[in-house]
C-alpha atoms as a PDB file:
ATOM      1  CA  MET A   1      15.716   6.212  10.149  1.00  0.00           C
ATOM      2  CA  PRO A   2      13.276   3.748  11.589  1.00  0.00           C
ATOM      3  CA  ASP A   3      14.724   1.710  14.427  1.00  0.00           C
ATOM      4  CA  ARG A   4      15.691  -1.828  13.416  1.00  0.00           C
ATOM      5  CA  GLU A   5      17.220  -4.110  16.020  1.00  0.00           C
ATOM      6  CA  GLY A   6      20.592  -5.427  14.880  1.00  0.00           C
ATOM      7  CA  GLY A   7      20.359  -3.497  11.613  1.00  0.00           C
ATOM      8  CA  LYS A   8      17.199  -5.287  10.430  1.00  0.00           C
ATOM      9  CA  GLY A   9      14.292  -5.086  12.836  1.00  0.00           C
ATOM     10  CA  ILE A  10      10.602  -4.594  12.328  1.00  0.00           C
ATOM     11  CA  VAL A  11       9.424  -1.119  11.361  1.00  0.00           C
ATOM     12  CA  ILE A  12       5.899   0.162  11.869  1.00  0.00           C
ATOM     13  CA  LEU A  13       3.793   2.512   9.802  1.00  0.00           C
ATOM     14  CA  SER A  14       4.031   6.114  11.012  1.00  0.00           C
ATOM     15  CA  GLU A  15       1.105   8.464  11.462  1.00  0.00           C
ATOM     16  CA  SER A  16       2.165  10.190   8.211  1.00  0.00           C
ATOM     17  CA  GLY A  17       2.001   6.838   6.445  1.00  0.00           C
ATOM     18  CA  ARG A  18      -1.438   6.094   7.905  1.00  0.00           C
ATOM     19  CA  ASN A  19      -2.609   9.523   6.770  1.00  0.00           C
ATOM     20  CA  LEU A  20      -1.204   8.973   3.269  1.00  0.00           C
ATOM     21  CA  ILE A  21      -3.182   5.744   2.877  1.00  0.00           C
ATOM     22  CA  LYS A  22      -6.356   7.154   4.393  1.00  0.00           C
ATOM     23  CA  GLY A  23      -6.037  10.178   2.108  1.00  0.00           C
ATOM     24  CA  GLU A  24      -5.980   7.835  -0.876  1.00  0.00           C
ATOM     25  CA  GLU A  25      -8.914   5.744   0.285  1.00  0.00           C
ATOM     26  CA  ARG A  26     -12.336   6.913   1.327  1.00  0.00           C
ATOM     27  CA  LEU A  27     -14.093   5.746   4.438  1.00  0.00           C
ATOM     28  CA  SER A  28     -17.213   3.830   3.510  1.00  0.00           C
ATOM     29  CA  LEU A  29     -19.276   2.179   6.203  1.00  0.00           C
ATOM     30  CA  THR A  30     -21.518   0.735   3.489  1.00  0.00           C
ATOM     31  CA  PRO A  31     -19.933  -1.723   1.016  1.00  0.00           C
ATOM     32  CA  TYR A  32     -19.691  -0.661  -2.622  1.00  0.00           C
ATOM     33  CA  LYS A  33     -18.179  -2.144  -5.779  1.00  0.00           C
ATOM     34  CA  ASP A  34     -14.936  -0.455  -6.793  1.00  0.00           C
ATOM     35  CA  GLY A  35     -13.962   0.352 -10.392  1.00  0.00           C
ATOM     36  CA  GLY A  36     -12.872  -3.253 -10.906  1.00  0.00           C
ATOM     37  CA  GLY A  37     -16.143  -4.662  -9.539  1.00  0.00           C
ATOM     38  CA  VAL A  38     -14.692  -5.779  -6.176  1.00  0.00           C
ATOM     39  CA  TRP A  39     -16.764  -5.281  -3.031  1.00  0.00           C
ATOM     40  CA  THR A  40     -14.988  -2.717  -0.850  1.00  0.00           C
ATOM     41  CA  TRP A  41     -15.694  -1.153   2.555  1.00  0.00           C
ATOM     42  CA  GLY A  42     -13.968   0.623   5.426  1.00  0.00           C
ATOM     43  CA  TRP A  43     -10.758   2.346   4.338  1.00  0.00           C
ATOM     44  CA  GLY A  44     -10.394   0.582   0.992  1.00  0.00           C
ATOM     45  CA  HIS A  45     -10.732  -2.976   2.296  1.00  0.00           C
ATOM     46  CA  ALA A  46     -11.342  -5.335  -0.627  1.00  0.00           C
ATOM     47  CA  GLN A  47     -13.451  -8.437  -0.093  1.00  0.00           C
ATOM     48  CA  GLY A  48     -11.326 -11.503   0.517  1.00  0.00           C
ATOM     49  CA  PRO A  49     -12.029 -14.847  -1.179  1.00  0.00           C
ATOM     50  CA  HIS A  50     -13.847 -16.344   1.833  1.00  0.00           C
ATOM     51  CA  GLU A  51     -15.262 -13.144   3.269  1.00  0.00           C
ATOM     52  CA  SER A  52     -18.917 -12.207   3.235  1.00  0.00           C
ATOM     53  CA  VAL A  53     -19.975  -8.665   2.442  1.00  0.00           C
ATOM     54  CA  PRO A  54     -21.423  -6.900   5.491  1.00  0.00           C
ATOM     55  CA  SER A  55     -24.483  -4.723   5.113  1.00  0.00           C
ATOM     56  CA  LEU A  56     -22.932  -2.003   7.282  1.00  0.00           C
ATOM     57  CA  ILE A  57     -19.884  -1.530   9.531  1.00  0.00           C
ATOM     58  CA  THR A  58     -19.058   0.930  12.298  1.00  0.00           C
ATOM     59  CA  GLU A  59     -16.194   3.430  12.275  1.00  0.00           C
ATOM     60  CA  GLU A  60     -14.528   1.329  14.984  1.00  0.00           C
ATOM     61  CA  GLN A  61     -14.756  -1.760  12.764  1.00  0.00           C
ATOM     62  CA  ALA A  62     -13.351   0.254   9.845  1.00  0.00           C
ATOM     63  CA  GLU A  63     -10.323   1.194  11.986  1.00  0.00           C
ATOM     64  CA  GLU A  64      -9.796  -2.427  13.057  1.00  0.00           C
ATOM     65  CA  ILE A  65      -9.964  -3.595   9.446  1.00  0.00           C
ATOM     66  CA  PHE A  66      -7.577  -0.791   8.405  1.00  0.00           C
ATOM     67  CA  ASP A  67      -5.080  -1.852  11.077  1.00  0.00           C
ATOM     68  CA  ALA A  68      -5.270  -5.478   9.904  1.00  0.00           C
ATOM     69  CA  ASP A  69      -4.942  -4.533   6.230  1.00  0.00           C
ATOM     70  CA  THR A  70      -2.036  -2.153   6.781  1.00  0.00           C
ATOM     71  CA  GLY A  71      -0.515  -4.776   9.081  1.00  0.00           C
ATOM     72  CA  TRP A  72      -0.038  -7.253   6.243  1.00  0.00           C
ATOM     73  CA  ALA A  73       1.349  -4.462   4.027  1.00  0.00           C
ATOM     74  CA  VAL A  74       3.804  -3.492   6.801  1.00  0.00           C
ATOM     75  CA  ASP A  75       4.806  -7.155   7.150  1.00  0.00           C
ATOM     76  CA  ASP A  76       5.329  -7.420   3.389  1.00  0.00           C
ATOM     77  CA  VAL A  77       7.550  -4.341   3.259  1.00  0.00           C
ATOM     78  CA  ASN A  78       9.545  -5.561   6.263  1.00  0.00           C
ATOM     79  CA  SER A  79       9.967  -8.939   4.549  1.00  0.00           C
ATOM     80  CA  ILE A  80      11.462  -7.496   1.349  1.00  0.00           C
ATOM     81  CA  LEU A  81      13.764  -4.837   2.830  1.00  0.00           C
ATOM     82  CA  ARG A  82      17.211  -6.059   3.761  1.00  0.00           C
ATOM     83  CA  SER A  83      18.412  -2.946   5.562  1.00  0.00           C
ATOM     84  CA  ASP A  84      17.291   0.328   7.073  1.00  0.00           C
ATOM     85  CA  VAL A  85      15.374   2.855   5.029  1.00  0.00           C
ATOM     86  CA  PRO A  86      14.098   6.299   6.013  1.00  0.00           C
ATOM     87  CA  GLN A  87      10.583   6.327   7.488  1.00  0.00           C
ATOM     88  CA  ASN A  88       9.182   8.224   4.478  1.00  0.00           C
ATOM     89  CA  VAL A  89      10.427   5.462   2.155  1.00  0.00           C
ATOM     90  CA  PHE A  90       8.926   2.772   4.362  1.00  0.00           C
ATOM     91  CA  ASP A  91       5.569   4.587   4.548  1.00  0.00           C
ATOM     92  CA  ALA A  92       5.424   5.139   0.778  1.00  0.00           C
ATOM     93  CA  LEU A  93       6.155   1.461   0.142  1.00  0.00           C
ATOM     94  CA  VAL A  94       3.465   0.361   2.607  1.00  0.00           C
ATOM     95  CA  SER A  95       0.929   2.589   0.844  1.00  0.00           C
ATOM     96  CA  PHE A  96       1.975   1.163  -2.524  1.00  0.00           C
ATOM     97  CA  LEU A  97       1.777  -2.463  -1.359  1.00  0.00           C
ATOM     98  CA  PHE A  98      -1.508  -1.793   0.476  1.00  0.00           C
ATOM     99  CA  ASN A  99      -2.952  -0.811  -2.904  1.00  0.00           C
ATOM    100  CA  VAL A 100      -1.133  -3.173  -5.285  1.00  0.00           C
ATOM    101  CA  GLY A 101      -0.288  -6.231  -3.180  1.00  0.00           C
ATOM    102  CA  LEU A 102       3.007  -8.077  -2.974  1.00  0.00           C
ATOM    103  CA  SER A 103       1.689 -11.000  -5.006  1.00  0.00           C
ATOM    104  CA  GLN A 104       1.190  -8.636  -7.954  1.00  0.00           C
ATOM    105  CA  LEU A 105       4.771  -7.374  -7.624  1.00  0.00           C
ATOM    106  CA  ARG A 106       6.089 -10.939  -7.576  1.00  0.00           C
ATOM    107  CA  ALA A 107       4.482 -11.728 -10.934  1.00  0.00           C
ATOM    108  CA  PRO A 108       7.092 -11.756 -13.729  1.00  0.00           C
ATOM    109  CA  PRO A 109       8.757  -9.563 -14.707  1.00  0.00           C
ATOM    110  CA  HIS A 110       9.777  -8.407 -11.224  1.00  0.00           C
ATOM    111  CA  ARG A 111      11.236  -5.039 -12.231  1.00  0.00           C
ATOM    112  CA  THR A 112       9.417  -2.943  -9.602  1.00  0.00           C
ATOM    113  CA  LEU A 113      10.100  -5.428  -6.815  1.00  0.00           C
ATOM    114  CA  ASP A 114      13.727  -5.783  -7.928  1.00  0.00           C
ATOM    115  CA  ALA A 115      14.213  -1.991  -7.771  1.00  0.00           C
ATOM    116  CA  ILE A 116      12.656  -1.887  -4.280  1.00  0.00           C
ATOM    117  CA  VAL A 117      14.832  -4.749  -3.007  1.00  0.00           C
ATOM    118  CA  ALA A 118      17.909  -3.024  -4.508  1.00  0.00           C
ATOM    119  CA  GLN A 119      16.781   0.235  -2.848  1.00  0.00           C
ATOM    120  CA  ASP A 120      17.179   2.044  -6.160  1.00  0.00           C
ATOM    121  CA  TRP A 121      14.558   4.642  -5.241  1.00  0.00           C
ATOM    122  CA  PRO A 122      14.588   6.704  -8.474  1.00  0.00           C
ATOM    123  CA  LYS A 123      14.127   3.528 -10.530  1.00  0.00           C
ATOM    124  CA  ALA A 124      11.501   2.169  -8.097  1.00  0.00           C
ATOM    125  CA  ALA A 125       9.587   5.461  -8.286  1.00  0.00           C
ATOM    126  CA  GLY A 126       9.574   5.376 -12.079  1.00  0.00           C
ATOM    127  CA  LEU A 127       8.347   1.781 -12.115  1.00  0.00           C
ATOM    128  CA  MET A 128       5.722   2.476  -9.435  1.00  0.00           C
ATOM    129  CA  MET A 129       4.282   5.085 -11.807  1.00  0.00           C
ATOM    130  CA  THR A 130       3.416   2.273 -14.239  1.00  0.00           C
ATOM    131  CA  TRP A 131       0.923   0.793 -11.743  1.00  0.00           C
ATOM    132  CA  ILE A 132      -1.929   3.094 -12.775  1.00  0.00           C
ATOM    133  CA  HIS A 133      -4.335   0.699 -14.493  1.00  0.00           C
ATOM    134  CA  ASP A 134      -7.375  -1.253 -13.355  1.00  0.00           C
ATOM    135  CA  ASN A 135      -8.595  -3.981 -15.701  1.00  0.00           C
ATOM    136  CA  GLY A 136      -6.367  -2.524 -18.430  1.00  0.00           C
ATOM    137  CA  LYS A 137      -7.814   0.984 -18.123  1.00  0.00           C
ATOM    138  CA  ARG A 138      -5.681   3.961 -17.039  1.00  0.00           C
ATOM    139  CA  ILE A 139      -7.182   5.393 -13.854  1.00  0.00           C
ATOM    140  CA  GLN A 140      -6.451   9.027 -13.038  1.00  0.00           C
ATOM    141  CA  GLY A 141      -6.944   8.375  -9.318  1.00  0.00           C
ATOM    142  CA  LEU A 142      -4.251   5.683  -9.389  1.00  0.00           C
ATOM    143  CA  TYR A 143      -1.950   8.009 -11.301  1.00  0.00           C
ATOM    144  CA  ASN A 144      -2.498  10.718  -8.662  1.00  0.00           C
ATOM    145  CA  ARG A 145      -1.913   8.201  -5.862  1.00  0.00           C
ATOM    146  CA  ARG A 146       1.348   6.995  -7.428  1.00  0.00           C
ATOM    147  CA  LEU A 147       2.492  10.629  -7.713  1.00  0.00           C
ATOM    148  CA  ARG A 148       1.921  11.190  -3.996  1.00  0.00           C
ATOM    149  CA  GLU A 149       3.559   7.872  -3.063  1.00  0.00           C
ATOM    150  CA  THR A 150       6.628   8.516  -5.213  1.00  0.00           C
ATOM    151  CA  GLN A 151       6.927  12.075  -3.887  1.00  0.00           C
ATOM    152  CA  MET A 152       6.970  10.648  -0.360  1.00  0.00           C
ATOM    153  CA  LEU A 153       9.399   7.902  -1.434  1.00  0.00           C
ATOM    154  CA  LEU A 154      11.873  10.423  -2.897  1.00  0.00           C
ATOM    155  CA  ALA A 155      11.480  13.144  -0.232  1.00  0.00           C
ATOM    156  CA  GLU A 156      14.739  13.956   1.527  1.00  0.00           C
END
């Protein structure tokens, strides 16, 4: 179990979790438009609302951006968990939120978020598998990613 002070501390992303996310993203030092038309660079960093698109970044910059992006996903997972979870569960949830975003999970109905908060991992895994569309189109890559995330989530 990850170490939480007083039963509910801050947990960090493990190397396995970092590798899971990096395995799902591709490193691109040159920005490109993803399947939904969003400018993306580094390890799957999507352009923010007030962010300009760089012409090129370095690998070091890609790592810094990855750390910042996974940092908010780690913070989001820590904010919704009320008690300890195994590291594999934490890592799978960070990967999922890194890709989907907590704001999307908070949109009604909250079934996936409710299952995560309740720590009903079989139900959460099933609901996570519904997050496989981009602009209404089923994406095989998202399906494959959800499979890997839910396998990590349910690993014992």
